[in-house]
Amino acid sequence: MTITKNIGMLLLALWLILWGITALASIAIPGIIMGLLALIAGIFILVGR
């Protein structure tokens, strides 16, 4: 298994993992943190990093 060097995809993966944990375990992660992580991931994916 190789880990991508694309920072946008790494952030997206992290966001998806955190979102899944939040939904499954009912752990409260502030929406501002999840929103910022999603925004940053989207920007990095768009610029191709």
N, C-alpha and C. Protein backbone atom coordinates (compact mmCIF):
# COMPACT_ATOMS: atom_id res chain seq x y z
N MET A 1 0.85 -1.18 0.00
CA MET A 1 0.00 0.00 0.00
C MET A 1 0.89 1.23 0.00
N THR A 2 0.62 2.15 -0.89
CA THR A 2 1.39 3.39 -0.94
C THR A 2 0.50 4.55 -0.51
N ILE A 3 1.11 5.49 0.14
CA ILE A 3 0.40 6.70 0.58
C ILE A 3 0.68 7.80 -0.44
N THR A 4 -0.37 8.45 -0.87
CA THR A 4 -0.23 9.49 -1.88
C THR A 4 0.52 10.70 -1.33
N LYS A 5 1.23 11.37 -2.21
CA LYS A 5 1.95 12.57 -1.80
C LYS A 5 1.13 13.83 -2.06
N ASN A 6 -0.08 13.64 -2.58
CA ASN A 6 -0.97 14.75 -2.85
C ASN A 6 -1.61 15.20 -1.53
N ILE A 7 -1.23 16.39 -1.06
CA ILE A 7 -1.70 16.88 0.23
C ILE A 7 -3.22 17.04 0.26
N GLY A 8 -3.81 17.41 -0.88
CA GLY A 8 -5.26 17.56 -0.94
C GLY A 8 -5.97 16.24 -0.71
N MET A 9 -5.47 15.19 -1.33
CA MET A 9 -6.08 13.87 -1.16
C MET A 9 -5.86 13.35 0.26
N LEU A 10 -4.71 13.64 0.85
CA LEU A 10 -4.47 13.23 2.23
C LEU A 10 -5.44 13.92 3.18
N LEU A 11 -5.65 15.23 2.97
CA LEU A 11 -6.59 15.96 3.82
C LEU A 11 -8.01 15.46 3.62
N LEU A 12 -8.36 15.15 2.37
CA LEU A 12 -9.69 14.61 2.10
C LEU A 12 -9.87 13.27 2.81
N ALA A 13 -8.85 12.42 2.75
CA ALA A 13 -8.92 11.13 3.43
C ALA A 13 -9.09 11.32 4.94
N LEU A 14 -8.34 12.26 5.50
CA LEU A 14 -8.45 12.53 6.93
C LEU A 14 -9.85 13.02 7.27
N TRP A 15 -10.39 13.91 6.44
CA TRP A 15 -11.73 14.43 6.68
C TRP A 15 -12.76 13.31 6.63
N LEU A 16 -12.65 12.42 5.64
CA LEU A 16 -13.60 11.33 5.53
C LEU A 16 -13.50 10.37 6.72
N ILE A 17 -12.29 10.11 7.18
CA ILE A 17 -12.11 9.24 8.35
C ILE A 17 -12.73 9.88 9.59
N LEU A 18 -12.45 11.15 9.81
CA LEU A 18 -13.02 11.85 10.97
C LEU A 18 -14.54 11.92 10.88
N TRP A 19 -15.06 12.17 9.69
CA TRP A 19 -16.51 12.24 9.51
C TRP A 19 -17.14 10.88 9.83
N GLY A 20 -16.51 9.81 9.37
CA GLY A 20 -17.03 8.48 9.65
C GLY A 20 -17.00 8.13 11.13
N ILE A 21 -15.90 8.48 11.79
CA ILE A 21 -15.80 8.23 13.23
C ILE A 21 -16.85 9.03 13.98
N THR A 22 -17.05 10.26 13.57
CA THR A 22 -18.05 11.11 14.21
C THR A 22 -19.44 10.50 14.07
N ALA A 23 -19.76 10.00 12.89
CA ALA A 23 -21.08 9.42 12.66
C ALA A 23 -21.26 8.10 13.40
N LEU A 24 -20.24 7.27 13.44
CA LEU A 24 -20.37 5.96 14.05
C LEU A 24 -20.31 6.00 15.57
N ALA A 25 -19.44 6.81 16.11
CA ALA A 25 -19.22 6.79 17.56
C ALA A 25 -19.88 7.96 18.28
N SER A 26 -20.57 8.81 17.55
CA SER A 26 -21.24 9.99 18.13
C SER A 26 -20.26 10.86 18.92
N ILE A 27 -19.04 10.97 18.40
CA ILE A 27 -18.04 11.85 19.00
C ILE A 27 -18.25 13.24 18.43
N ALA A 28 -18.26 14.23 19.28
CA ALA A 28 -18.50 15.60 18.84
C ALA A 28 -17.19 16.27 18.43
N ILE A 29 -17.01 16.44 17.13
CA ILE A 29 -15.89 17.22 16.61
C ILE A 29 -16.51 18.51 16.10
N PRO A 30 -16.03 19.66 16.58
CA PRO A 30 -16.65 20.93 16.18
C PRO A 30 -16.76 21.08 14.67
N GLY A 31 -17.91 21.59 14.23
CA GLY A 31 -18.17 21.77 12.82
C GLY A 31 -17.18 22.69 12.13
N ILE A 32 -16.65 23.66 12.88
CA ILE A 32 -15.69 24.59 12.29
C ILE A 32 -14.41 23.86 11.88
N ILE A 33 -13.99 22.89 12.67
CA ILE A 33 -12.79 22.13 12.34
C ILE A 33 -13.03 21.27 11.10
N MET A 34 -14.17 20.59 11.05
CA MET A 34 -14.48 19.76 9.90
C MET A 34 -14.65 20.62 8.65
N GLY A 35 -15.27 21.77 8.79
CA GLY A 35 -15.45 22.67 7.65
C GLY A 35 -14.13 23.20 7.13
N LEU A 36 -13.26 23.60 8.02
CA LEU A 36 -11.95 24.11 7.60
C LEU A 36 -11.12 23.02 6.93
N LEU A 37 -11.16 21.82 7.47
CA LEU A 37 -10.42 20.71 6.88
C LEU A 37 -10.94 20.40 5.48
N ALA A 38 -12.25 20.41 5.30
CA ALA A 38 -12.83 20.16 3.98
C ALA A 38 -12.47 21.28 3.00
N LEU A 39 -12.51 22.52 3.46
CA LEU A 39 -12.16 23.66 2.61
C LEU A 39 -10.71 23.60 2.16
N ILE A 40 -9.82 23.34 3.08
CA ILE A 40 -8.38 23.27 2.76
C ILE A 40 -8.12 22.10 1.80
N ALA A 41 -8.75 20.96 2.04
CA ALA A 41 -8.57 19.81 1.14
C ALA A 41 -9.04 20.16 -0.26
N GLY A 42 -10.19 20.80 -0.36
CA GLY A 42 -10.71 21.19 -1.67
C GLY A 42 -9.81 22.15 -2.41
N ILE A 43 -9.25 23.10 -1.70
CA ILE A 43 -8.33 24.06 -2.33
C ILE A 43 -7.10 23.36 -2.83
N PHE A 44 -6.51 22.49 -2.02
CA PHE A 44 -5.31 21.77 -2.44
C PHE A 44 -5.58 20.85 -3.63
N ILE A 45 -6.76 20.23 -3.65
CA ILE A 45 -7.09 19.37 -4.79
C ILE A 45 -7.22 20.22 -6.05
N LEU A 46 -7.85 21.38 -5.94
CA LEU A 46 -8.02 22.25 -7.10
C LEU A 46 -6.70 22.77 -7.66
N VAL A 47 -5.75 23.11 -6.78
CA VAL A 47 -4.48 23.62 -7.27
C VAL A 47 -3.53 22.49 -7.66
N GLY A 48 -3.94 21.26 -7.41
CA GLY A 48 -3.16 20.11 -7.85
C GLY A 48 -2.00 19.71 -6.97
N ARG A 49 -2.06 20.05 -5.70
CA ARG A 49 -1.00 19.65 -4.78
C ARG A 49 -1.43 18.38 -4.17
